[in-house]
Amino acid sequence: MTDDVLGDLEPTEVRLRFAPSPTGLLHVGNIRTALFAWAFARHFGGKLVLRIEDTDTARNTPEGLQYTLDSLRWLGIDWDEGPEVGGDFGPYRQSERMDIYTDVVDKLLAAGKAYHCYCSQEELDQRREAARTAGQHSGYDGHCRTLTPEQVKAYVDEGRRPVVRLRMPDRPIVFDDLVRGEITFLPENLGDYVLVRANGYPLYPLVNPVDDALMEITHVLRGEDLLPSTPRQIALYEALAEIGVGTGRTPRFGHLPFVMGEGNKKLSKRDPNSGLGEYMARGFLPEGLLNYLALLGWSIAEDRDVFTMQEMIAAFDIRKVNANAARFDPKKCEAINAAHMRMLPADEFARRMIPFLAEAGVLPAEPTEEQTAVLKAAVPLVQERMNTLSESVDMLGFLFVDDANFTIDPDAAAKVLTGDADTVLEASAKALKDVEWTTEAIEAALRASLIEGLGLKPKNAFGPVRVAISGRRISPPLFESLELLGREKSLRRLEQARRTLS
């Protein structure tokens, strides 16, 4: 299988690229593409090139570029060449490579591999409509392929500004897709396509293959929506080889399946659950999110869903990517993330919660030794209960907030602090006033006072106490929480809840 993927390449000669546009957004489908390219390169000990498609000045910003770089680093997807790293094939931003594209186009024109097309949009539309009416292929008909010097002069005298088109070969283009197997495109379906606009601006179908050729990219992984453009790019790689641009090697392509959202539609940037920022804000672990995205088309084993990135690198085989569309399941994504949270050592779990608690104003960015000790002690109480790090605010915030800022959720108060709640809270305070402050002693005292003394069921006995000390109906285990909160704070909150009732 390795020979089938590498051909005559040595494993360390493998070079893949990830080429995002710095718009300030990273879609989960794009992240999966980056992940697969990264895992492919790392599996063989090759290199991943980060190349920035920043020629769309209306959408791309310096802030967007920095967000892209920071996001990839947060994910743990590192690159061997590209912005902030450098390399032998730079520059790695397409906006800085315009002179390169101009030079390559000049060479293509001189060699007859490309030509100027003077057709107006109106003329193109008319001929396409006529072809459709006649039941023929409606792509470009090659009108300007063989213009005479006199015809060219006439167009120039009219003031027409030409585009540049690639001269497509008059034969089928066949290639072995790393995901989909052998694919054939017939020449009648492949019209000569535009490389450069009439204003001299180079287009994506030109700049990407040129960059791939010059950066010696050996394998290209991208979405299946780009599959129709692949034969055109292959034709350009071949033309570039003939004019001496690049190594002369055409990259191997692998077209990854669509990521589908709700209603069996392709997940778009406008859909919920599609943007990386949402997962960062909710407190997903990068390793958890990447693990789930890897499952959208690939698996490490039939009976296993949870794995580390190092395990993925060791096992990754592009030929085992499923060509069928993969549906994004937010609940499974969260479950995979939760599994990775369970795998964290307690100290690391505590460390990762701090930014979320700090952002909520519950802890300072650098907690005190006492706060850190409480947080670490709380980890065993919540690590099995949390699915994302942002849940730490609701789950543990009550341990750190001072009395002046402590509040009880109105819904919890309305549903739990009713009926005999005042009696329960009064009895609890009396039972806890002089007890040894350990989980075991606290539990024994409350059970004796509320269940045996008042004859209450556990739900009715402990519910009001939980709401009083945590402010919520759901919290970490009650008796352990009381121990961590401390005697004085616990008693004050029981009294505060009683005042709320009155």
Protein backbone atom coordinates (compact mmCIF):
# COMPACT_ATOMS: atom_id res chain seq x y z
CA MET A 1 0.00 0.00 0.00
CA THR A 2 2.90 2.35 0.75
CA ASP A 3 4.37 1.82 -2.72
CA ASP A 4 0.95 2.52 -4.21
CA VAL A 5 0.83 5.87 -2.41
CA LEU A 6 4.46 6.92 -2.78
CA GLY A 7 5.40 5.55 -6.17
CA ASP A 8 9.15 6.05 -6.60
CA LEU A 9 9.38 8.61 -3.80
CA GLU A 10 11.30 8.04 -0.62
CA PRO A 11 9.01 8.50 2.40
CA THR A 12 10.90 11.58 3.58
CA GLU A 13 10.41 13.20 0.15
CA VAL A 14 6.66 13.46 0.78
CA ARG A 15 5.49 17.09 0.70
CA LEU A 16 1.90 18.18 1.29
CA ARG A 17 0.42 21.64 1.62
CA PHE A 18 -2.45 23.28 3.42
CA ALA A 19 -3.51 26.52 1.72
CA PRO A 20 -6.17 28.45 3.69
CA SER A 21 -7.50 31.91 2.95
CA PRO A 22 -6.91 34.26 5.92
CA THR A 23 -10.49 35.44 6.31
CA GLY A 24 -10.59 35.01 10.08
CA LEU A 25 -12.66 31.82 9.87
CA LEU A 26 -11.63 28.18 9.91
CA HIS A 27 -14.35 25.71 8.93
CA VAL A 28 -14.28 22.22 10.43
CA GLY A 29 -14.08 20.79 6.90
CA ASN A 30 -10.93 22.83 6.25
CA ILE A 31 -9.50 21.72 9.57
CA ARG A 32 -10.10 18.09 8.63
CA THR A 33 -8.22 18.67 5.36
CA ALA A 34 -5.32 20.20 7.30
CA LEU A 35 -5.42 17.30 9.78
CA PHE A 36 -5.28 14.62 7.08
CA ALA A 37 -2.47 16.42 5.24
CA TRP A 38 -0.55 16.81 8.49
CA ALA A 39 -1.06 13.17 9.51
CA PHE A 40 -0.05 12.02 6.01
CA ALA A 41 3.16 14.05 6.10
CA ARG A 42 4.03 13.07 9.66
CA HIS A 43 3.31 9.38 8.98
CA PHE A 44 6.03 9.26 6.34
CA GLY A 45 8.40 11.71 8.00
CA GLY A 46 7.77 14.20 5.18
CA LYS A 47 6.89 17.89 5.31
CA LEU A 48 3.75 19.99 5.57
CA VAL A 49 3.84 23.36 3.81
CA LEU A 50 1.51 26.14 4.97
CA ARG A 51 0.71 28.41 2.03
CA ILE A 52 -1.58 31.40 2.41
CA GLU A 53 -4.12 32.23 -0.33
CA ASP A 54 -4.41 35.93 0.41
CA THR A 55 -5.00 37.40 -3.03
CA ASP A 56 -8.63 38.27 -2.26
CA THR A 57 -7.94 41.66 -0.68
CA ALA A 58 -11.64 42.29 0.02
CA ARG A 59 -11.92 39.31 2.38
CA ASN A 60 -8.40 38.72 3.70
CA THR A 61 -6.90 40.74 6.54
CA PRO A 62 -3.71 40.70 8.63
CA GLU A 63 -5.87 39.85 11.63
CA GLY A 64 -7.36 36.95 9.67
CA LEU A 65 -3.89 35.63 8.90
CA GLN A 66 -2.85 35.81 12.54
CA TYR A 67 -6.07 34.07 13.57
CA THR A 68 -5.34 31.27 11.10
CA LEU A 69 -1.79 30.79 12.40
CA ASP A 70 -2.90 30.94 16.05
CA SER A 71 -5.74 28.49 15.38
CA LEU A 72 -3.49 25.93 13.74
CA ARG A 73 -1.04 26.21 16.62
CA TRP A 74 -3.89 25.81 19.12
CA LEU A 75 -4.91 22.65 17.30
CA GLY A 76 -1.35 21.35 17.39
CA ILE A 77 -1.06 21.21 13.59
CA ASP A 78 2.46 22.43 13.02
CA TRP A 79 4.05 23.17 9.65
CA ASP A 80 7.59 22.74 8.39
CA GLU A 81 7.57 25.60 5.89
CA GLY A 82 5.46 28.72 5.67
CA PRO A 83 4.73 31.97 7.52
CA GLU A 84 6.73 32.51 10.72
CA VAL A 85 8.77 29.41 9.87
CA GLY A 86 10.34 30.17 6.50
CA GLY A 87 11.72 27.62 4.06
CA ASP A 88 13.50 27.21 0.74
CA PHE A 89 10.45 27.75 -1.48
CA GLY A 90 9.07 31.07 -0.26
CA PRO A 91 7.46 33.45 -0.22
CA TYR A 92 4.54 31.47 1.18
CA ARG A 93 1.87 34.13 0.71
CA GLN A 94 0.38 34.25 -2.77
CA SER A 95 0.08 38.03 -2.63
CA GLU A 96 3.89 38.13 -2.58
CA ARG A 97 4.26 35.82 -5.60
CA MET A 98 2.58 37.87 -8.34
CA ASP A 99 5.81 38.36 -10.30
CA ILE A 100 6.28 34.60 -10.32
CA TYR A 101 2.84 34.03 -11.83
CA THR A 102 3.42 36.70 -14.48
CA ASP A 103 6.70 35.09 -15.51
CA VAL A 104 5.14 31.62 -15.74
CA VAL A 105 2.23 32.90 -17.86
CA ASP A 106 4.68 34.57 -20.24
CA LYS A 107 6.48 31.25 -20.65
CA LEU A 108 3.23 29.38 -21.25
CA LEU A 109 2.22 31.87 -23.93
CA ALA A 110 5.63 31.76 -25.61
CA ALA A 111 5.53 27.96 -25.72
CA GLY A 112 2.00 27.86 -27.14
CA LYS A 113 0.64 26.15 -24.03
CA ALA A 114 -1.68 29.09 -23.41
CA TYR A 115 -3.22 31.76 -25.61
CA HIS A 116 -5.05 35.07 -25.46
CA CYS A 117 -8.82 34.96 -25.74
CA TYR A 118 -10.64 38.12 -26.85
CA CYS A 119 -14.23 36.83 -26.65
CA SER A 120 -16.62 39.14 -24.85
CA GLN A 121 -18.91 37.80 -22.16
CA GLU A 122 -21.90 38.44 -24.42
CA GLU A 123 -20.35 36.39 -27.24
CA LEU A 124 -19.52 33.57 -24.83
CA ASP A 125 -23.06 33.51 -23.48
CA GLN A 126 -24.57 33.45 -26.97
CA ARG A 127 -22.40 30.55 -28.13
CA ARG A 128 -23.02 28.60 -24.94
CA GLU A 129 -26.77 29.01 -25.30
CA ALA A 130 -26.58 27.89 -28.93
CA ALA A 131 -24.59 24.81 -27.88
CA ARG A 132 -27.11 23.95 -25.17
CA THR A 133 -29.98 24.35 -27.62
CA ALA A 134 -28.21 21.95 -29.99
CA GLY A 135 -27.63 19.46 -27.18
CA GLN A 136 -23.86 19.98 -27.26
CA HIS A 137 -21.30 20.66 -24.55
CA SER A 138 -21.67 24.28 -23.51
CA GLY A 139 -18.13 24.93 -22.31
CA TYR A 140 -15.70 27.19 -24.09
CA ASP A 141 -15.58 26.28 -27.79
CA GLY A 142 -11.96 27.23 -28.51
CA HIS A 143 -12.93 30.21 -30.69
CA CYS A 144 -9.64 32.06 -30.11
CA ARG A 145 -7.32 29.03 -30.26
CA THR A 146 -6.18 29.71 -33.82
CA LEU A 147 -6.63 33.42 -34.40
CA THR A 148 -4.62 34.92 -37.22
CA PRO A 149 -2.45 38.00 -36.61
CA GLU A 150 -5.01 40.02 -38.53
CA GLN A 151 -7.86 38.84 -36.28
CA VAL A 152 -5.83 39.61 -33.17
CA LYS A 153 -5.07 43.12 -34.48
CA ALA A 154 -8.74 43.72 -35.18
CA TYR A 155 -9.68 42.76 -31.63
CA VAL A 156 -6.90 44.91 -30.18
CA ASP A 157 -7.99 47.86 -32.33
CA GLU A 158 -11.50 47.46 -30.89
CA GLY A 159 -9.96 47.96 -27.46
CA ARG A 160 -10.62 44.41 -26.25
CA ARG A 161 -8.52 43.21 -23.35
CA PRO A 162 -7.90 39.45 -23.51
CA VAL A 163 -7.95 36.78 -20.85
CA VAL A 164 -5.37 34.01 -20.93
CA ARG A 165 -6.60 30.44 -21.44
CA LEU A 166 -4.75 27.15 -21.08
CA ARG A 167 -4.71 24.99 -24.22
CA MET A 168 -6.21 21.73 -22.95
CA PRO A 169 -4.99 18.46 -24.51
CA ASP A 170 -7.33 16.68 -26.94
CA ARG A 171 -7.32 13.41 -25.00
CA PRO A 172 -8.85 11.91 -21.86
CA ILE A 173 -7.22 12.82 -18.57
CA VAL A 174 -6.97 9.83 -16.27
CA PHE A 175 -5.61 9.82 -12.75
CA ASP A 176 -5.62 7.54 -9.71
CA ASP A 177 -7.33 9.39 -6.88
CA LEU A 178 -5.94 8.34 -3.52
CA VAL A 179 -9.46 8.18 -2.06
CA ARG A 180 -11.67 7.34 -5.06
CA GLY A 181 -9.51 5.22 -7.32
CA GLU A 182 -9.14 5.75 -11.07
CA ILE A 183 -11.08 8.69 -12.52
CA THR A 184 -11.39 9.62 -16.20
CA PHE A 185 -12.39 12.97 -17.72
CA LEU A 186 -13.16 13.08 -21.44
CA PRO A 187 -11.76 15.95 -23.54
CA GLU A 188 -15.19 17.07 -24.80
CA ASN A 189 -16.04 17.99 -21.20
CA LEU A 190 -12.85 19.97 -20.63
CA GLY A 191 -12.82 23.34 -22.33
CA ASP A 192 -9.82 25.65 -22.35
CA TYR A 193 -10.12 27.50 -19.06
CA VAL A 194 -9.06 30.96 -17.94
CA LEU A 195 -5.75 31.37 -16.15
CA VAL A 196 -5.60 35.18 -16.04
CA ARG A 197 -8.42 37.71 -16.10
CA ALA A 198 -8.53 40.54 -18.62
CA ASN A 199 -7.23 42.90 -15.92
CA GLY A 200 -4.10 40.76 -15.60
CA TYR A 201 -5.15 39.17 -12.31
CA PRO A 202 -4.11 35.49 -11.96
CA LEU A 203 -6.82 33.02 -10.93
CA TYR A 204 -6.85 30.12 -8.49
CA PRO A 205 -6.57 27.44 -11.23
CA LEU A 206 -3.24 29.02 -12.22
CA VAL A 207 -1.63 30.02 -8.96
CA ASN A 208 -2.21 26.80 -7.01
CA PRO A 209 -0.63 24.44 -9.56
CA VAL A 210 2.23 26.89 -10.13
CA ASP A 211 2.89 27.06 -6.40
CA ASP A 212 2.60 23.28 -6.07
CA ALA A 213 5.08 22.77 -8.89
CA LEU A 214 7.60 25.28 -7.57
CA MET A 215 7.25 24.09 -3.98
CA GLU A 216 7.68 20.46 -5.09
CA ILE A 217 4.38 19.32 -3.59
CA THR A 218 4.02 15.56 -4.04
CA HIS A 219 0.49 14.94 -2.72
CA VAL A 220 -2.60 17.18 -2.61
CA LEU A 221 -5.52 16.46 -0.29
CA ARG A 222 -8.60 18.62 -0.80
CA GLY A 223 -12.39 18.52 -0.77
CA GLU A 224 -14.40 16.62 -3.34
CA ASP A 225 -16.06 19.87 -4.42
CA LEU A 226 -12.77 20.68 -6.19
CA LEU A 227 -12.71 17.39 -8.11
CA PRO A 228 -14.11 18.88 -11.39
CA SER A 229 -11.12 21.24 -11.58
CA THR A 230 -8.53 18.51 -11.10
CA PRO A 231 -8.12 17.46 -14.77
CA ARG A 232 -7.52 21.10 -15.68
CA GLN A 233 -4.86 21.37 -13.02
CA ILE A 234 -3.24 18.14 -14.18
CA ALA A 235 -3.07 19.57 -17.71
CA LEU A 236 -1.37 22.66 -16.33
CA TYR A 237 1.15 20.59 -14.34
CA GLU A 238 2.04 18.82 -17.57
CA ALA A 239 2.41 22.13 -19.40
CA LEU A 240 4.58 23.48 -16.59
CA ALA A 241 6.81 20.42 -16.83
CA GLU A 242 7.27 20.99 -20.55
CA ILE A 243 8.41 24.58 -20.03
CA GLY A 244 10.74 23.65 -17.16
CA VAL A 245 8.75 24.99 -14.21
CA GLY A 246 9.07 22.77 -11.15
CA THR A 247 10.31 19.20 -10.96
CA GLY A 248 8.10 17.88 -13.74
CA ARG A 249 6.21 15.66 -11.30
CA THR A 250 2.42 15.88 -11.12
CA PRO A 251 1.19 15.60 -7.51
CA ARG A 252 -1.01 12.71 -6.47
CA PHE A 253 -4.54 13.85 -5.59
CA GLY A 254 -6.89 12.66 -2.89
CA HIS A 255 -10.38 14.20 -2.77
CA LEU A 256 -11.89 14.03 0.69
CA PRO A 257 -15.63 13.43 1.21
CA PHE A 258 -18.07 16.22 1.99
CA VAL A 259 -18.85 16.99 5.61
CA MET A 260 -22.63 17.07 5.86
CA GLY A 261 -24.75 19.02 8.33
CA GLU A 262 -28.43 18.98 9.23
CA GLY A 263 -30.89 17.96 6.52
CA ASN A 264 -28.23 16.04 4.62
CA LYS A 265 -26.78 19.27 3.23
CA LYS A 266 -23.13 20.13 2.98
CA LEU A 267 -21.98 21.84 6.18
CA SER A 268 -21.39 25.48 5.28
CA LYS A 269 -19.58 28.28 7.10
CA ARG A 270 -22.97 29.72 8.05
CA ASP A 271 -24.13 26.57 9.83
CA PRO A 272 -23.92 26.12 13.59
CA ASN A 273 -21.14 23.74 14.66
CA SER A 274 -19.05 24.64 11.61
CA GLY A 275 -16.55 27.20 12.89
CA LEU A 276 -13.44 26.52 14.98
CA GLY A 277 -14.07 29.58 17.15
CA GLU A 278 -17.21 28.00 18.60
CA TYR A 279 -15.28 24.96 19.81
CA MET A 280 -12.49 27.05 21.29
CA ALA A 281 -15.02 29.21 23.16
CA ARG A 282 -16.91 26.19 24.48
CA GLY A 283 -13.75 24.64 25.82
CA PHE A 284 -13.18 21.71 23.52
CA LEU A 285 -9.74 20.17 23.77
CA PRO A 286 -7.83 20.44 20.50
CA GLU A 287 -7.00 16.73 20.70
CA GLY A 288 -10.67 15.89 21.25
CA LEU A 289 -11.87 17.98 18.32
CA LEU A 290 -9.19 16.60 15.99
CA ASN A 291 -10.00 13.05 17.06
CA TYR A 292 -13.63 13.57 16.06
CA LEU A 293 -12.80 15.28 12.77
CA ALA A 294 -10.52 12.37 11.89
CA LEU A 295 -13.55 10.09 12.17
CA LEU A 296 -15.27 12.00 9.36
CA GLY A 297 -14.04 9.65 6.70
CA TRP A 298 -11.33 7.63 8.47
CA SER A 299 -11.07 5.28 11.42
CA ILE A 300 -8.18 3.81 13.33
CA ALA A 301 -10.06 0.53 13.90
CA GLU A 302 -13.60 -0.77 13.51
CA ASP A 303 -14.14 -1.04 17.27
CA ARG A 304 -12.33 2.10 18.40
CA ASP A 305 -13.20 5.79 18.19
CA VAL A 306 -10.90 7.44 20.74
CA PHE A 307 -7.19 7.83 20.01
CA THR A 308 -4.33 10.26 20.38
CA MET A 309 -2.85 12.21 17.50
CA GLN A 310 0.37 10.25 17.76
CA GLU A 311 -1.64 7.05 17.36
CA MET A 312 -3.36 8.57 14.34
CA ILE A 313 -0.03 9.51 12.74
CA ALA A 314 1.28 5.99 13.21
CA ALA A 315 -1.84 4.40 11.69
CA PHE A 316 -2.88 6.92 9.04
CA ASP A 317 -3.40 5.52 5.54
CA ILE A 318 -5.01 7.81 2.97
CA ARG A 319 -6.24 4.78 1.03
CA LYS A 320 -8.50 3.93 3.98
CA VAL A 321 -10.40 7.20 3.82
CA ASN A 322 -14.03 6.52 2.91
CA ALA A 323 -15.18 8.34 -0.22
CA ASN A 324 -18.77 8.63 1.03
CA ALA A 325 -19.98 11.86 2.60
CA ALA A 326 -19.57 12.05 6.38
CA ARG A 327 -22.25 13.56 8.62
CA PHE A 328 -21.15 15.90 11.38
CA ASP A 329 -22.72 14.78 14.65
CA PRO A 330 -22.37 17.47 17.37
CA LYS A 331 -23.30 15.04 20.14
CA LYS A 332 -20.68 12.51 19.14
CA CYS A 333 -18.14 15.29 18.77
CA GLU A 334 -18.86 16.31 22.36
CA ALA A 335 -18.69 12.71 23.55
CA ILE A 336 -15.28 12.21 21.94
CA ASN A 337 -14.09 15.43 23.56
CA ALA A 338 -15.38 14.25 26.93
CA ALA A 339 -13.42 11.02 26.55
CA HIS A 340 -10.23 13.02 26.03
CA MET A 341 -11.03 15.15 29.08
CA ARG A 342 -11.22 11.97 31.17
CA MET A 343 -7.75 11.02 29.90
CA LEU A 344 -6.07 14.19 31.21
CA PRO A 345 -3.99 14.00 34.41
CA ALA A 346 -5.69 15.89 37.25
CA ASP A 347 -3.14 18.72 37.34
CA GLU A 348 -3.43 19.24 33.58
CA PHE A 349 -7.21 19.17 33.76
CA ALA A 350 -7.11 21.86 36.43
CA ARG A 351 -4.66 23.96 34.40
CA ARG A 352 -6.90 23.88 31.34
CA MET A 353 -9.95 25.02 33.30
CA ILE A 354 -8.25 28.18 34.60
CA PRO A 355 -8.67 30.35 31.44
CA PHE A 356 -12.43 29.70 31.42
CA LEU A 357 -12.83 30.41 35.11
CA ALA A 358 -10.70 33.53 34.70
CA GLU A 359 -12.70 34.79 31.72
CA ALA A 360 -15.87 34.43 33.77
CA GLY A 361 -14.30 36.47 36.58
CA VAL A 362 -14.36 33.51 38.95
CA LEU A 363 -10.58 33.20 39.27
CA PRO A 364 -7.68 35.50 38.46
CA ALA A 365 -5.55 34.56 35.47
CA GLU A 366 -2.91 33.42 37.95
CA PRO A 367 -4.74 31.83 40.89
CA THR A 368 -3.30 31.89 44.38
CA GLU A 369 -1.82 28.75 45.90
CA GLU A 370 -4.96 28.30 47.98
CA GLN A 371 -7.25 28.67 44.93
CA THR A 372 -5.09 26.26 42.94
CA ALA A 373 -5.22 23.70 45.72
CA VAL A 374 -9.03 23.92 45.86
CA LEU A 375 -9.26 23.62 42.07
CA LYS A 376 -7.04 20.53 42.00
CA ALA A 377 -9.01 18.98 44.85
CA ALA A 378 -12.22 19.58 42.88
CA VAL A 379 -10.99 17.81 39.74
CA PRO A 380 -12.02 14.28 40.87
CA LEU A 381 -15.50 15.61 41.57
CA VAL A 382 -16.12 16.98 38.07
CA GLN A 383 -13.79 15.34 35.57
CA GLU A 384 -16.21 12.50 34.89
CA ARG A 385 -19.17 14.89 34.69
CA MET A 386 -17.92 17.53 32.24
CA ASN A 387 -17.98 17.42 28.44
CA THR A 388 -16.30 20.76 27.75
CA LEU A 389 -14.03 23.04 29.77
CA SER A 390 -16.48 25.94 29.72
CA GLU A 391 -18.78 23.87 31.96
CA SER A 392 -16.27 24.46 34.75
CA VAL A 393 -17.78 27.91 35.34
CA ASP A 394 -21.21 26.58 36.29
CA MET A 395 -19.77 23.48 37.91
CA LEU A 396 -17.07 25.03 40.10
CA GLY A 397 -17.63 28.77 40.14
CA PHE A 398 -19.42 28.64 43.49
CA LEU A 399 -16.22 27.48 45.20
CA PHE A 400 -14.38 30.69 44.38
CA VAL A 401 -16.92 33.50 44.17
CA ASP A 402 -17.08 35.73 47.24
CA ASP A 403 -20.23 36.18 49.29
CA ALA A 404 -21.01 39.60 47.83
CA ASN A 405 -21.15 38.21 44.28
CA PHE A 406 -22.71 34.84 45.06
CA THR A 407 -26.21 34.42 43.64
CA ILE A 408 -28.75 31.63 43.55
CA ASP A 409 -30.23 30.74 40.18
CA PRO A 410 -33.87 31.96 40.25
CA ASP A 411 -35.13 28.80 38.57
CA ALA A 412 -33.35 26.63 41.14
CA ALA A 413 -34.76 28.72 43.95
CA ALA A 414 -38.30 28.54 42.57
CA LYS A 415 -38.18 24.76 42.19
CA VAL A 416 -36.17 23.72 45.26
CA LEU A 417 -36.29 26.43 47.92
CA THR A 418 -39.97 25.86 48.64
CA GLY A 419 -42.13 24.20 51.27
CA ASP A 420 -39.99 22.92 54.14
CA ALA A 421 -36.77 24.35 52.68
CA ASP A 422 -36.30 26.84 55.54
CA THR A 423 -36.61 24.05 58.10
CA VAL A 424 -34.07 21.99 56.15
CA LEU A 425 -31.59 24.86 55.90
CA GLU A 426 -31.93 25.72 59.60
CA ALA A 427 -31.41 22.10 60.64
CA SER A 428 -28.44 21.79 58.27
CA ALA A 429 -26.74 24.84 59.73
CA LYS A 430 -27.17 23.52 63.28
CA ALA A 431 -25.86 20.09 62.28
CA LEU A 432 -22.78 21.52 60.56
CA LYS A 433 -21.88 24.22 63.07
CA ASP A 434 -19.53 22.19 65.23
CA VAL A 435 -18.93 19.03 63.14
CA GLU A 436 -15.43 17.94 62.11
CA TRP A 437 -15.04 19.42 58.62
CA THR A 438 -14.45 16.30 56.53
CA THR A 439 -16.61 14.78 53.80
CA GLU A 440 -17.45 11.76 55.96
CA ALA A 441 -18.38 13.76 59.03
CA ILE A 442 -20.42 16.26 57.01
CA GLU A 443 -22.40 13.48 55.35
CA ALA A 444 -23.05 11.70 58.63
CA ALA A 445 -24.23 14.90 60.33
CA LEU A 446 -26.61 15.87 57.53
CA ARG A 447 -28.06 12.39 57.19
CA ALA A 448 -28.66 12.20 60.91
CA SER A 449 -30.29 15.62 61.04
CA LEU A 450 -32.33 15.64 57.84
CA ILE A 451 -33.16 12.05 57.03
CA GLU A 452 -33.31 10.50 60.48
CA GLY A 453 -34.26 13.65 62.41
CA LEU A 454 -36.76 15.23 59.99
CA GLY A 455 -37.77 12.02 58.21
CA LEU A 456 -37.05 13.45 54.75
CA LYS A 457 -36.18 11.58 51.61
CA PRO A 458 -32.62 12.31 50.35
CA LYS A 459 -33.87 14.38 47.40
CA ASN A 460 -35.93 16.64 49.64
CA ALA A 461 -33.26 16.72 52.31
CA PHE A 462 -30.19 17.56 50.27
CA GLY A 463 -31.71 19.54 47.36
CA PRO A 464 -32.15 22.78 49.33
CA VAL A 465 -28.62 22.45 50.79
CA ARG A 466 -27.16 21.97 47.31
CA VAL A 467 -28.93 25.03 45.92
CA ALA A 468 -27.98 27.09 48.97
CA ILE A 469 -24.25 26.41 48.76
CA SER A 470 -23.79 26.14 44.94
CA GLY A 471 -26.61 28.35 43.67
CA ARG A 472 -27.70 25.61 41.27
CA ARG A 473 -29.68 22.38 41.20
CA ILE A 474 -26.77 20.50 39.68
CA SER A 475 -23.35 20.60 41.28
CA PRO A 476 -20.44 18.33 42.15
CA PRO A 477 -21.14 15.79 44.94
CA LEU A 478 -22.66 17.72 47.83
CA PHE A 479 -20.64 16.56 50.84
CA GLU A 480 -17.29 16.92 49.05
CA SER A 481 -18.39 20.36 47.83
CA LEU A 482 -19.15 21.46 51.38
CA GLU A 483 -15.73 20.33 52.53
CA LEU A 484 -14.00 22.27 49.73
CA LEU A 485 -16.13 25.37 50.28
CA GLY A 486 -15.21 25.45 53.97
CA ARG A 487 -17.24 25.72 57.14
CA GLU A 488 -17.58 29.51 57.32
CA LYS A 489 -18.62 30.01 53.70
CA SER A 490 -21.01 27.08 53.85
CA LEU A 491 -22.76 28.38 56.96
CA ARG A 492 -23.00 31.88 55.53
CA ARG A 493 -24.60 30.56 52.34
CA LEU A 494 -27.13 28.51 54.26
CA GLU A 495 -28.07 31.66 56.13
CA GLN A 496 -28.14 33.71 52.94
CA ALA A 497 -30.53 31.19 51.37
CA ARG A 498 -32.81 31.45 54.40
CA ARG A 499 -32.88 35.22 54.00
CA THR A 500 -33.80 34.71 50.35
CA LEU A 501 -36.74 32.57 51.47
CA SER A 502 -37.96 35.14 53.96
